[in-house]
């Protein structure tokens, strides 16, 4: 146990360390084992229970909350924060991101707490007046007032990108909600480190007093059945695989509202105009390398399938192969903060690639899962293992018309890269109706600028086709006596 990292339970301003008779060793991913207090013994430390206990946060002004979050954000510099340094080292072992990429992710944490971004996020999604008080209607409806009320929340977070921990804390605080964060096994410490930093800033601030963090094993029915009760939890946000979401659904009852941020699949669309010049192919290849390669293809927004407007004759397929080779060559030139060669091969995916390469009438395969590669379907359909594509490996699929791609789109289709931009006006509404949630540009030729253009959005935009913060509050209506009724009474 001496070689095992101690990870405490955080309970609303308190740090509960593992101790003799109260400790469990959990198997983290990548061999990053850790020891924590037995969560079964701390149910009442994890859940708020009585909704009246939300009154302190309910009565705290949004200006105060935002100021507190801004000060909190200033303490999230990796070089200055020992808790984050510890979580960073563990995430390197347990997560799937290389050191330069993970460092870039951690370096972005303070920027998430920019005051203008926080204010815009709360005001755009909910409205600051609705969070701070009762907002009356206009004219004859002045007697009808509406307010957004904070809730008791459980967030089952994902560990593929550590910013999820910061985003979860922001969303809970800006909705004046109590939140229990269930940390993931591949990032068991980031949310914990953030909570401990917040305690050091002010253990008695209402935001701190309504933040709890713990880890328990996924599928632990005892824990889930004890926590997911209408007397303890109002809103649940689940980031995770379909099996995780289905498991949580077993415990839901009327009064528990589930927001499932389940895995998404992203793709790119390449128009036939791309092959009219070498310059266009080069530009498209850099765009594809960026959107498929950033964070080493661990994010939902990474392209895994590239639909190419093309015939399937040998000459046309050769052009797609040339585009694929340019893309793989571009991987090697991506900044290390965005993408690197993989530390280890993905053996399952390489087995699939090897099998596909043997079927050369149907597929063309190049590259590997260390430096990146591609599988070209020689017919208009994606590979059976499209959901296993990883380590900067994509599937090119030729289609006679991009209209044919609609059949593969649904509410799990998150981000679509487009090249050239002339495609946007033609296909925007078609793909929006099909379920696509975000369309982004691939043009430009500069990976950092392309990445920025994909991710630089105003505060309060939808997430995966929904507005999670708006769903995280309860909307309450207060109907006082109508003005005209009072007038009639006086006249009588």
Foldseek 3Di string as FASTA:
>chain_A
DVVAAWFEWAFQLDTHTADVVFKDWDQFALRRIHIYGDVLVCLVSQFDQDPVVLVQLLQDALVVLLVLLLVLLVCQACVRAPLNVVLLVLLCRREFFHNLQLNLLSRCSSVCSDSVLLVQQLCQAPRRDQSNDWDADDDLRRLKTKHWAFFEEEEEDDSNGLCRLVVVLSLNSSSSYQYEYAADSSRQRSNSSSLVSSSVVPSPRSSNSRYIYDYDDQPPCSSLLSQADLSTGQEYEYEEAPVSVVSNVVNDDPRYHYDYPHAFAEAEEAEPVCLVDPVSLLLLLLLLLLQQFFSQNSHSRRHAEYEYQFDLDPVGVVSVVVSQVSNLVNNVVDPSNGHAFGPDFPVVVQVVLVVLCVVVVAWDWDDGLGSATEIEGSAQDWDPVSVVRTSRYHYYGYDNDCLVVLVVAALRYEEYEYPPPVVCVVCVVVRVVSNYHYYFYSGDNHSVVRVCRRPVDRHNDDDSNHRVSSVSTDMDMRRDDGPVVVVVVVVD
